Amino acid sequence: MTTTIQTNGNEVTITFAGRLDTATSPEANTKINCELDNIETIELLICDASRLEYISSSGLRILLSLAKRYKMFKVINVQSQVYEVLETTGFTKIMIVERAMRKLSVNGCRLIGIGGVGKVYRLDGDTIIKVFREGTTMDEVRREITLSKEAFVLGMPTAISFDVVKVTPNKEGGTECYGLVYELLKAQTLSTYVKKHPEQLDVFAKKYADLFLQMHQIEVPEEGNVPAVIKRERQQIEHIRRYFPNESIEMLLNIVDSIPTGNRLLHMDLQTKNVMVQDDELMLIDMGEVGYGHPMLDLAHAYSAMVGFVGDYEKTIGMPREMGQRLWDKAMDYYMADLPANVAAQRKEQIMVASCVRKFSWLSLSDSFPESVIKECQELFDGYVTQRYDYIKDVCKTFKDWTL
């Protein structure tokens, strides 16, 4: 048994290697207390258990003592056999305990989806994996897991991850990324399905519309973890100030400020590559942007992807642009089938205007888009927003007519 202690500023890491049992615990405890007493300020104490093979009651007492002594304390990289002990004894309820993550490679796996925050691959016949982009933190991964569970509890057909993993880099010099593994038996994206079965486009446009309708009928309670989306919309616009002049940013903010408040469940990236077809039923994935607000926002985000996407449409959306736009048009006809024709026409116009925000704010999702993509968005802004701004303002005045 070896115990090493490393200091990084006000963060201290204790690493255990071997068996922390009756024979080794006294020496380990003495060493820990002696060294920690000599450190003036400890804001975070971490126990790295990646090489800990076994822990007995005497070892558990060391962890308990440290947890009581330091407010910010956690045990990380816990192997399965040790985690079972900590879970059985209730330690996972009284302190932060993080399992060791298994490592996976997606080399040779089929890419089935690309988004602003990551890529989705088919691992095998039973599972898919969402690989987050470099720089994604564990807190952001946990947030997506939490939002997926919240949406599931609220009644949406949502794929729930059963494992968080580290994904090894595909190329030399790359960095490990976080991944979420989902069990989806014989599932494929809605884009793939419609591309393979164009004769069923109308059937699945109806299912796609029903998915939106089901979600937009759910009222999100004030308590819970689902955030308001309007705040994030404004943050994303502020994030792209470096790409656009101030007057352009103010135009986008004015559009967002015209959108009515709401308490409905929103996916906020419900394009057809984020919908899986399983046994002819639709299931949601990629839940990192879920929130609550007005349905207009959700539909505007989807419109931006399905109709107004900037870049390689087929690579990102997964079907030819003409097919994707036709699917969207039919889905919106179904979504608004119970409305008078003039109201439906107005709402489609409102969605199109509200989509101006996402058409450019999506650049906030990454700091590493190619310069050519950024330049294309900048060149589009004048024709898409500036020259049409009087019309956009007139439509924004009608947003209040879309009542829930």
Protein backbone atom coordinates (compact mmCIF):
# COMPACT_ATOMS: atom_id res chain seq x y z
CA MET A 1 0.00 0.00 0.00
CA THR A 2 1.33 3.45 -0.95
CA THR A 3 -0.13 6.86 -0.19
CA THR A 4 0.99 9.94 -2.08
CA ILE A 5 -0.11 13.53 -1.53
CA GLN A 6 0.17 16.24 -4.16
CA THR A 7 -0.63 19.94 -3.85
CA ASN A 8 -1.80 22.19 -6.67
CA GLY A 9 -2.46 25.62 -5.23
CA ASN A 10 -5.26 25.22 -2.69
CA GLU A 11 -6.25 21.82 -4.15
CA VAL A 12 -4.78 18.68 -2.58
CA THR A 13 -4.97 15.16 -4.01
CA ILE A 14 -4.38 12.00 -1.98
CA THR A 15 -3.72 8.93 -4.13
CA PHE A 16 -4.11 5.44 -2.70
CA ALA A 17 -2.54 2.42 -4.41
CA GLY A 18 -3.10 -1.12 -3.18
CA ARG A 19 -5.19 -2.31 -0.21
CA LEU A 20 -6.38 0.15 2.43
CA ASP A 21 -7.08 -2.37 5.22
CA THR A 22 -6.41 -2.93 8.92
CA ALA A 23 -2.70 -3.51 8.34
CA THR A 24 -2.06 -0.44 6.14
CA SER A 25 -4.59 2.14 7.40
CA PRO A 26 -2.67 3.32 10.55
CA GLU A 27 0.44 4.26 8.57
CA ALA A 28 -1.64 5.89 5.81
CA ASN A 29 -3.67 7.86 8.35
CA THR A 30 -0.57 9.11 10.15
CA LYS A 31 1.04 10.25 6.89
CA ILE A 32 -2.13 12.01 5.71
CA ASN A 33 -2.68 13.90 8.96
CA CYS A 34 0.97 14.91 9.22
CA GLU A 35 1.18 16.31 5.70
CA LEU A 36 -2.25 17.97 5.67
CA ASP A 37 -1.50 19.74 8.95
CA ASN A 38 1.43 21.44 7.24
CA ILE A 39 -0.68 22.85 4.40
CA GLU A 40 -2.01 26.28 5.29
CA THR A 41 -5.15 26.42 3.10
CA ILE A 42 -7.04 23.52 1.52
CA GLU A 43 -10.10 24.55 -0.50
CA LEU A 44 -10.62 21.15 -2.13
CA LEU A 45 -9.42 17.73 -0.98
CA ILE A 46 -9.57 14.87 -3.49
CA CYS A 47 -8.97 11.18 -2.89
CA ASP A 48 -7.93 9.49 -6.12
CA ALA A 49 -8.93 5.83 -5.86
CA SER A 50 -7.98 4.78 -9.39
CA ARG A 51 -5.36 2.33 -8.00
CA LEU A 52 -7.18 1.39 -4.79
CA GLU A 53 -7.86 -2.36 -4.92
CA TYR A 54 -9.64 -2.89 -1.60
CA ILE A 55 -10.93 -0.89 1.37
CA SER A 56 -11.88 -2.17 4.83
CA SER A 57 -13.74 -0.50 7.70
CA SER A 58 -10.51 1.08 8.92
CA GLY A 59 -9.99 2.63 5.49
CA LEU A 60 -13.58 3.84 5.46
CA ARG A 61 -12.97 5.62 8.76
CA ILE A 62 -10.12 7.57 7.12
CA LEU A 63 -12.46 8.76 4.36
CA LEU A 64 -15.18 9.66 6.86
CA SER A 65 -12.74 11.64 8.97
CA LEU A 66 -11.53 13.60 5.94
CA ALA A 67 -15.09 14.29 4.78
CA LYS A 68 -15.94 15.74 8.20
CA ARG A 69 -12.75 17.79 8.31
CA TYR A 70 -12.96 19.33 4.82
CA LYS A 71 -16.17 20.79 3.44
CA MET A 72 -15.04 20.37 -0.17
CA PHE A 73 -14.11 16.69 -0.35
CA LYS A 74 -14.63 13.98 -2.95
CA VAL A 75 -13.43 10.53 -3.92
CA ILE A 76 -12.80 10.03 -7.65
CA ASN A 77 -11.90 7.28 -10.13
CA VAL A 78 -13.36 4.56 -7.90
CA GLN A 79 -13.09 1.04 -9.30
CA SER A 80 -16.23 -1.11 -9.30
CA GLN A 81 -15.25 -3.40 -6.39
CA VAL A 82 -14.46 -0.44 -4.13
CA TYR A 83 -17.50 1.51 -5.31
CA GLU A 84 -19.77 -1.37 -4.25
CA VAL A 85 -18.36 -1.14 -0.71
CA LEU A 86 -18.87 2.63 -0.57
CA GLU A 87 -22.40 2.31 -1.93
CA THR A 88 -23.38 -0.54 0.42
CA THR A 89 -22.11 1.33 3.47
CA GLY A 90 -23.95 4.53 2.48
CA PHE A 91 -20.82 6.57 1.79
CA THR A 92 -22.11 7.55 -1.66
CA LYS A 93 -24.94 9.43 0.07
CA ILE A 94 -22.79 11.43 2.49
CA MET A 95 -19.91 12.43 0.22
CA ILE A 96 -19.17 12.88 -3.48
CA VAL A 97 -18.02 9.56 -4.92
CA GLU A 98 -17.26 9.27 -8.64
CA ARG A 99 -16.82 5.95 -10.41
CA ALA A 100 -13.81 5.32 -12.60
CA MET A 101 -14.79 5.76 -16.23
CA ARG A 102 -14.13 3.03 -18.71
CA LYS A 103 -12.42 4.06 -21.91
CA LEU A 104 -13.87 3.51 -25.36
CA SER A 105 -12.71 4.16 -28.88
CA VAL A 106 -14.98 5.18 -31.75
CA ASN A 107 -12.41 4.25 -34.40
CA GLY A 108 -14.28 2.39 -37.11
CA CYS A 109 -17.70 3.32 -35.66
CA ARG A 110 -20.32 4.78 -37.99
CA LEU A 111 -20.97 8.48 -37.49
CA ILE A 112 -24.73 9.04 -37.32
CA GLY A 113 -25.03 12.63 -36.12
CA ILE A 114 -23.13 15.92 -35.78
CA GLY A 115 -24.14 18.82 -33.55
CA GLY A 116 -22.68 21.95 -32.06
CA VAL A 117 -21.60 20.19 -28.86
CA GLY A 118 -20.55 16.78 -30.15
CA LYS A 119 -20.98 13.80 -32.45
CA VAL A 120 -23.07 10.62 -32.19
CA TYR A 121 -21.69 7.24 -33.28
CA ARG A 122 -23.18 3.77 -33.54
CA LEU A 123 -21.07 1.59 -31.21
CA ASP A 124 -22.77 -1.69 -32.05
CA GLY A 125 -26.22 -3.12 -32.73
CA ASP A 126 -27.41 -2.25 -29.22
CA THR A 127 -25.77 1.04 -28.31
CA ILE A 128 -24.91 4.51 -29.55
CA ILE A 129 -22.53 7.01 -27.98
CA LYS A 130 -22.60 10.80 -27.90
CA VAL A 131 -19.03 12.12 -27.87
CA PHE A 132 -18.79 15.64 -26.51
CA ARG A 133 -16.44 18.15 -28.11
CA GLU A 134 -13.07 18.88 -26.53
CA GLY A 135 -13.32 21.20 -23.55
CA THR A 136 -16.69 19.93 -22.32
CA THR A 137 -16.63 19.66 -18.53
CA MET A 138 -18.03 16.89 -16.37
CA ASP A 139 -20.55 19.37 -14.98
CA GLU A 140 -21.90 19.93 -18.51
CA VAL A 141 -22.17 16.17 -19.04
CA ARG A 142 -24.02 15.76 -15.74
CA ARG A 143 -26.33 18.58 -16.76
CA GLU A 144 -27.35 16.72 -19.91
CA ILE A 145 -28.00 13.54 -17.92
CA THR A 146 -30.12 15.49 -15.44
CA LEU A 147 -32.15 17.20 -18.17
CA SER A 148 -32.72 13.88 -19.97
CA LYS A 149 -34.10 12.37 -16.78
CA GLU A 150 -36.26 15.43 -16.09
CA ALA A 151 -37.76 15.26 -19.59
CA PHE A 152 -38.37 11.53 -19.20
CA VAL A 153 -40.15 12.02 -15.87
CA LEU A 154 -42.27 14.78 -17.41
CA GLY A 155 -43.48 12.30 -20.02
CA MET A 156 -41.23 12.56 -23.09
CA PRO A 157 -39.86 9.46 -24.87
CA THR A 158 -36.24 10.17 -24.05
CA ALA A 159 -33.20 7.92 -24.34
CA ILE A 160 -31.45 7.75 -20.95
CA SER A 161 -27.69 7.21 -20.76
CA PHE A 162 -26.57 4.24 -18.70
CA ASP A 163 -22.83 5.01 -18.73
CA VAL A 164 -20.43 7.96 -18.78
CA VAL A 165 -17.13 7.07 -20.45
CA LYS A 166 -13.87 8.59 -21.64
CA VAL A 167 -13.41 8.41 -25.40
CA THR A 168 -9.84 7.95 -26.57
CA PRO A 169 -8.65 10.37 -29.29
CA ASN A 170 -8.91 9.30 -32.91
CA LYS A 171 -5.65 10.95 -33.82
CA GLU A 172 -2.24 11.35 -32.26
CA GLY A 173 -2.04 14.48 -30.19
CA GLY A 174 -5.81 14.57 -29.61
CA THR A 175 -7.35 14.72 -26.16
CA GLU A 176 -9.75 12.40 -24.37
CA CYS A 177 -13.38 13.50 -24.43
CA TYR A 178 -16.40 12.56 -22.37
CA GLY A 179 -19.03 10.29 -23.87
CA LEU A 180 -22.55 9.18 -22.98
CA VAL A 181 -23.59 5.66 -23.94
CA TYR A 182 -27.24 4.96 -24.76
CA GLU A 183 -28.98 1.66 -25.33
CA LEU A 184 -31.05 1.98 -28.50
CA LEU A 185 -31.79 -1.41 -30.05
CA LYS A 186 -32.11 -1.32 -33.83
CA ALA A 187 -32.66 2.43 -33.76
CA GLN A 188 -31.69 4.90 -36.47
CA THR A 189 -32.02 8.64 -36.80
CA LEU A 190 -35.20 10.07 -38.28
CA SER A 191 -33.03 11.54 -41.05
CA THR A 192 -31.61 8.14 -41.96
CA TYR A 193 -35.03 6.48 -41.86
CA VAL A 194 -36.74 9.04 -44.11
CA LYS A 195 -33.80 9.05 -46.53
CA LYS A 196 -34.10 5.25 -46.82
CA HIS A 197 -37.91 5.27 -46.97
CA PRO A 198 -38.94 8.46 -48.81
CA GLU A 199 -42.37 6.95 -49.43
CA GLN A 200 -43.01 7.25 -45.67
CA LEU A 201 -42.02 10.91 -45.43
CA ASP A 202 -45.60 12.01 -44.82
CA VAL A 203 -46.15 9.38 -42.09
CA PHE A 204 -43.05 10.42 -40.19
CA ALA A 205 -43.72 14.13 -40.71
CA LYS A 206 -46.90 13.49 -38.72
CA LYS A 207 -44.95 11.63 -36.01
CA TYR A 208 -42.39 14.44 -35.93
CA ALA A 209 -45.16 17.01 -35.49
CA ASP A 210 -46.78 14.91 -32.76
CA LEU A 211 -43.46 14.79 -30.91
CA PHE A 212 -43.35 18.60 -30.85
CA LEU A 213 -47.00 18.79 -29.81
CA GLN A 214 -46.54 16.26 -27.01
CA MET A 215 -43.60 18.20 -25.63
CA HIS A 216 -45.20 21.63 -25.96
CA GLN A 217 -48.24 20.51 -23.98
CA ILE A 218 -46.07 19.71 -20.95
CA GLU A 219 -46.00 22.47 -18.35
CA VAL A 220 -42.71 22.52 -16.47
CA PRO A 221 -43.07 23.04 -12.71
CA GLU A 222 -41.12 25.87 -11.12
CA GLU A 223 -39.27 23.47 -8.86
CA GLY A 224 -36.86 21.15 -10.63
CA ASN A 225 -33.72 21.38 -12.72
CA VAL A 226 -35.11 22.47 -16.09
CA PRO A 227 -33.83 26.02 -16.82
CA ALA A 228 -35.53 28.92 -18.59
CA VAL A 229 -34.26 29.12 -22.17
CA ILE A 230 -34.59 32.89 -22.66
CA LYS A 231 -31.62 33.58 -20.41
CA ARG A 232 -29.44 31.17 -22.39
CA GLU A 233 -30.65 32.71 -25.68
CA ARG A 234 -29.41 36.12 -24.57
CA GLN A 235 -26.11 34.67 -23.32
CA GLN A 236 -25.48 33.01 -26.69
CA ILE A 237 -26.16 36.27 -28.54
CA GLU A 238 -23.75 38.11 -26.25
CA HIS A 239 -21.15 35.41 -26.94
CA ILE A 240 -21.09 36.23 -30.66
CA ARG A 241 -20.46 39.97 -30.26
CA ARG A 242 -16.89 39.28 -31.40
CA TYR A 243 -18.24 38.31 -34.84
CA PHE A 244 -20.82 41.05 -35.44
CA PRO A 245 -21.13 44.82 -34.93
CA ASN A 246 -23.14 46.04 -31.93
CA GLU A 247 -26.13 47.11 -34.02
CA SER A 248 -26.48 43.56 -35.37
CA ILE A 249 -26.37 42.11 -31.87
CA GLU A 250 -29.04 44.57 -30.72
CA MET A 251 -31.30 43.45 -33.57
CA LEU A 252 -31.08 39.84 -32.40
CA LEU A 253 -31.67 40.83 -28.78
CA ASN A 254 -34.76 42.79 -29.80
CA ILE A 255 -36.19 39.69 -31.47
CA VAL A 256 -35.59 37.58 -28.35
CA ASP A 257 -37.12 40.24 -26.10
CA SER A 258 -40.30 40.16 -28.20
CA ILE A 259 -40.89 36.44 -27.58
CA PRO A 260 -43.61 35.87 -24.95
CA THR A 261 -42.82 34.02 -21.74
CA GLY A 262 -43.94 30.43 -21.34
CA ASN A 263 -43.59 27.38 -19.15
CA ARG A 264 -43.65 24.63 -21.77
CA LEU A 265 -40.99 21.95 -22.18
CA LEU A 266 -38.63 22.71 -25.08
CA HIS A 267 -35.88 20.59 -26.64
CA MET A 268 -34.16 23.52 -28.41
CA ASP A 269 -32.35 21.38 -30.99
CA LEU A 270 -35.05 19.09 -32.32
CA GLN A 271 -33.73 18.57 -35.82
CA THR A 272 -34.15 15.14 -37.34
CA LYS A 273 -30.71 13.81 -36.40
CA ASN A 274 -31.64 14.24 -32.74
CA VAL A 275 -34.67 12.00 -33.12
CA MET A 276 -34.26 8.23 -33.17
CA VAL A 277 -36.72 5.82 -34.80
CA GLN A 278 -37.17 2.65 -32.76
CA ASP A 279 -39.95 0.20 -33.64
CA ASP A 280 -41.68 2.97 -35.64
CA GLU A 281 -41.75 5.22 -32.56
CA LEU A 282 -39.73 8.39 -32.10
CA MET A 283 -37.32 8.94 -29.21
CA LEU A 284 -35.35 12.06 -28.25
CA ILE A 285 -31.59 12.25 -27.84
CA ASP A 286 -29.10 15.12 -27.35
CA MET A 287 -30.85 16.77 -24.41
CA GLY A 288 -28.16 19.29 -23.45
CA GLU A 289 -30.21 22.37 -24.39
CA VAL A 290 -33.55 21.32 -22.88
CA GLY A 291 -35.39 24.08 -21.05
CA TYR A 292 -38.75 25.73 -20.64
CA GLY A 293 -40.28 28.70 -22.41
CA HIS A 294 -42.53 29.51 -25.36
CA PRO A 295 -42.92 26.85 -28.11
CA MET A 296 -42.10 29.48 -30.73
CA LEU A 297 -38.46 29.30 -29.61
CA ASP A 298 -38.28 25.53 -29.95
CA LEU A 299 -39.80 25.58 -33.42
CA ALA A 300 -37.57 28.49 -34.45
CA HIS A 301 -34.45 26.55 -33.46
CA ALA A 302 -35.61 23.50 -35.42
CA TYR A 303 -36.57 25.68 -38.42
CA SER A 304 -33.07 27.17 -38.39
CA ALA A 305 -31.59 23.68 -38.76
CA MET A 306 -34.15 22.06 -41.05
CA VAL A 307 -34.70 25.02 -43.41
CA GLY A 308 -32.07 27.69 -42.89
CA PHE A 309 -28.97 25.65 -42.06
CA VAL A 310 -25.67 27.25 -43.03
CA GLY A 311 -23.02 24.78 -44.24
CA ASP A 312 -23.04 21.18 -45.47
CA TYR A 313 -26.74 20.38 -44.99
CA GLU A 314 -26.69 16.69 -45.83
CA LYS A 315 -23.63 15.95 -43.68
CA THR A 316 -25.17 17.65 -40.64
CA ILE A 317 -28.90 17.01 -41.04
CA GLY A 318 -28.48 13.63 -42.72
CA MET A 319 -30.69 14.01 -45.77
CA PRO A 320 -30.80 16.18 -48.90
CA ARG A 321 -31.87 19.76 -48.22
CA GLU A 322 -34.97 19.51 -50.43
CA MET A 323 -36.14 16.40 -48.55
CA GLY A 324 -35.50 17.96 -45.16
CA GLN A 325 -37.39 21.12 -46.03
CA ARG A 326 -40.30 19.10 -47.40
CA LEU A 327 -40.42 17.04 -44.19
CA TRP A 328 -40.42 20.24 -42.13
CA ASP A 329 -43.20 21.88 -44.17
CA LYS A 330 -45.43 18.83 -43.84
CA ALA A 331 -44.67 18.53 -40.12
CA MET A 332 -45.68 22.16 -39.52
CA ASP A 333 -48.90 21.62 -41.46
CA TYR A 334 -49.70 18.77 -39.08
CA TYR A 335 -48.56 20.75 -36.02
CA MET A 336 -51.02 23.56 -36.89
CA ALA A 337 -53.77 21.43 -38.41
CA ASP A 338 -56.38 22.53 -35.83
CA LEU A 339 -55.76 26.27 -36.34
CA PRO A 340 -57.56 28.59 -38.76
CA ALA A 341 -55.57 29.04 -41.97
CA ASN A 342 -54.72 32.70 -41.26
CA VAL A 343 -53.46 31.89 -37.73
CA ALA A 344 -51.35 28.99 -39.01
CA ALA A 345 -49.83 31.23 -41.70
CA GLN A 346 -49.02 33.89 -39.11
CA ARG A 347 -47.36 31.39 -36.78
CA LYS A 348 -45.20 30.01 -39.58
CA GLU A 349 -44.12 33.58 -40.29
CA GLN A 350 -43.36 34.13 -36.59
CA ILE A 351 -41.26 30.96 -36.45
CA MET A 352 -39.28 32.06 -39.48
CA VAL A 353 -38.55 35.49 -37.98
CA ALA A 354 -37.66 34.06 -34.55
CA SER A 355 -35.27 31.66 -36.29
CA CYS A 356 -33.08 34.64 -37.24
CA VAL A 357 -31.58 34.40 -33.75
CA ARG A 358 -30.50 30.75 -33.95
CA LYS A 359 -29.27 31.19 -37.51
CA PHE A 360 -26.36 33.16 -36.03
CA SER A 361 -26.26 32.45 -32.28
CA TRP A 362 -25.31 28.81 -32.94
CA LEU A 363 -21.78 30.14 -33.47
CA SER A 364 -21.63 30.42 -29.66
CA LEU A 365 -21.68 26.62 -29.32
CA SER A 366 -17.99 26.35 -30.15
CA ASP A 367 -14.91 28.54 -30.26
CA SER A 368 -13.35 26.58 -33.10
CA PHE A 369 -15.61 26.89 -36.14
CA PRO A 370 -13.74 27.31 -39.45
CA GLU A 371 -13.17 30.91 -40.49
CA SER A 372 -15.10 30.19 -43.70
CA VAL A 373 -18.26 29.30 -41.73
CA ILE A 374 -18.00 32.44 -39.59
CA LYS A 375 -17.49 34.58 -42.69
CA GLU A 376 -20.49 33.00 -44.42
CA CYS A 377 -22.70 33.84 -41.42
CA GLN A 378 -21.41 37.41 -41.37
CA GLU A 379 -22.15 37.82 -45.08
CA LEU A 380 -25.65 36.38 -44.65
CA PHE A 381 -26.60 38.73 -41.82
CA ASP A 382 -27.12 41.80 -43.96
CA GLY A 383 -29.53 40.16 -46.39
CA TYR A 384 -31.23 37.95 -43.85
CA VAL A 385 -31.72 40.49 -41.03
CA THR A 386 -30.50 44.04 -41.69
CA GLN A 387 -32.27 44.64 -45.01
CA ARG A 388 -35.46 42.99 -43.70
CA TYR A 389 -35.43 44.53 -40.24
CA ASP A 390 -38.55 46.71 -40.70
CA TYR A 391 -40.48 43.59 -41.73
CA ILE A 392 -38.94 41.62 -38.83
CA LYS A 393 -40.02 44.30 -36.33
CA ASP A 394 -43.58 44.21 -37.67
CA VAL A 395 -43.75 40.44 -37.27
CA CYS A 396 -42.24 40.66 -33.76
CA LYS A 397 -45.19 42.87 -32.77
CA THR A 398 -47.48 39.91 -33.50
CA PHE A 399 -45.56 37.50 -31.24
CA LYS A 400 -47.87 38.39 -28.34
CA ASP A 401 -50.81 36.96 -30.32
CA TRP A 402 -49.40 33.44 -29.89
CA THR A 403 -50.99 32.63 -26.58
CA LEU A 404 -50.62 29.33 -24.73
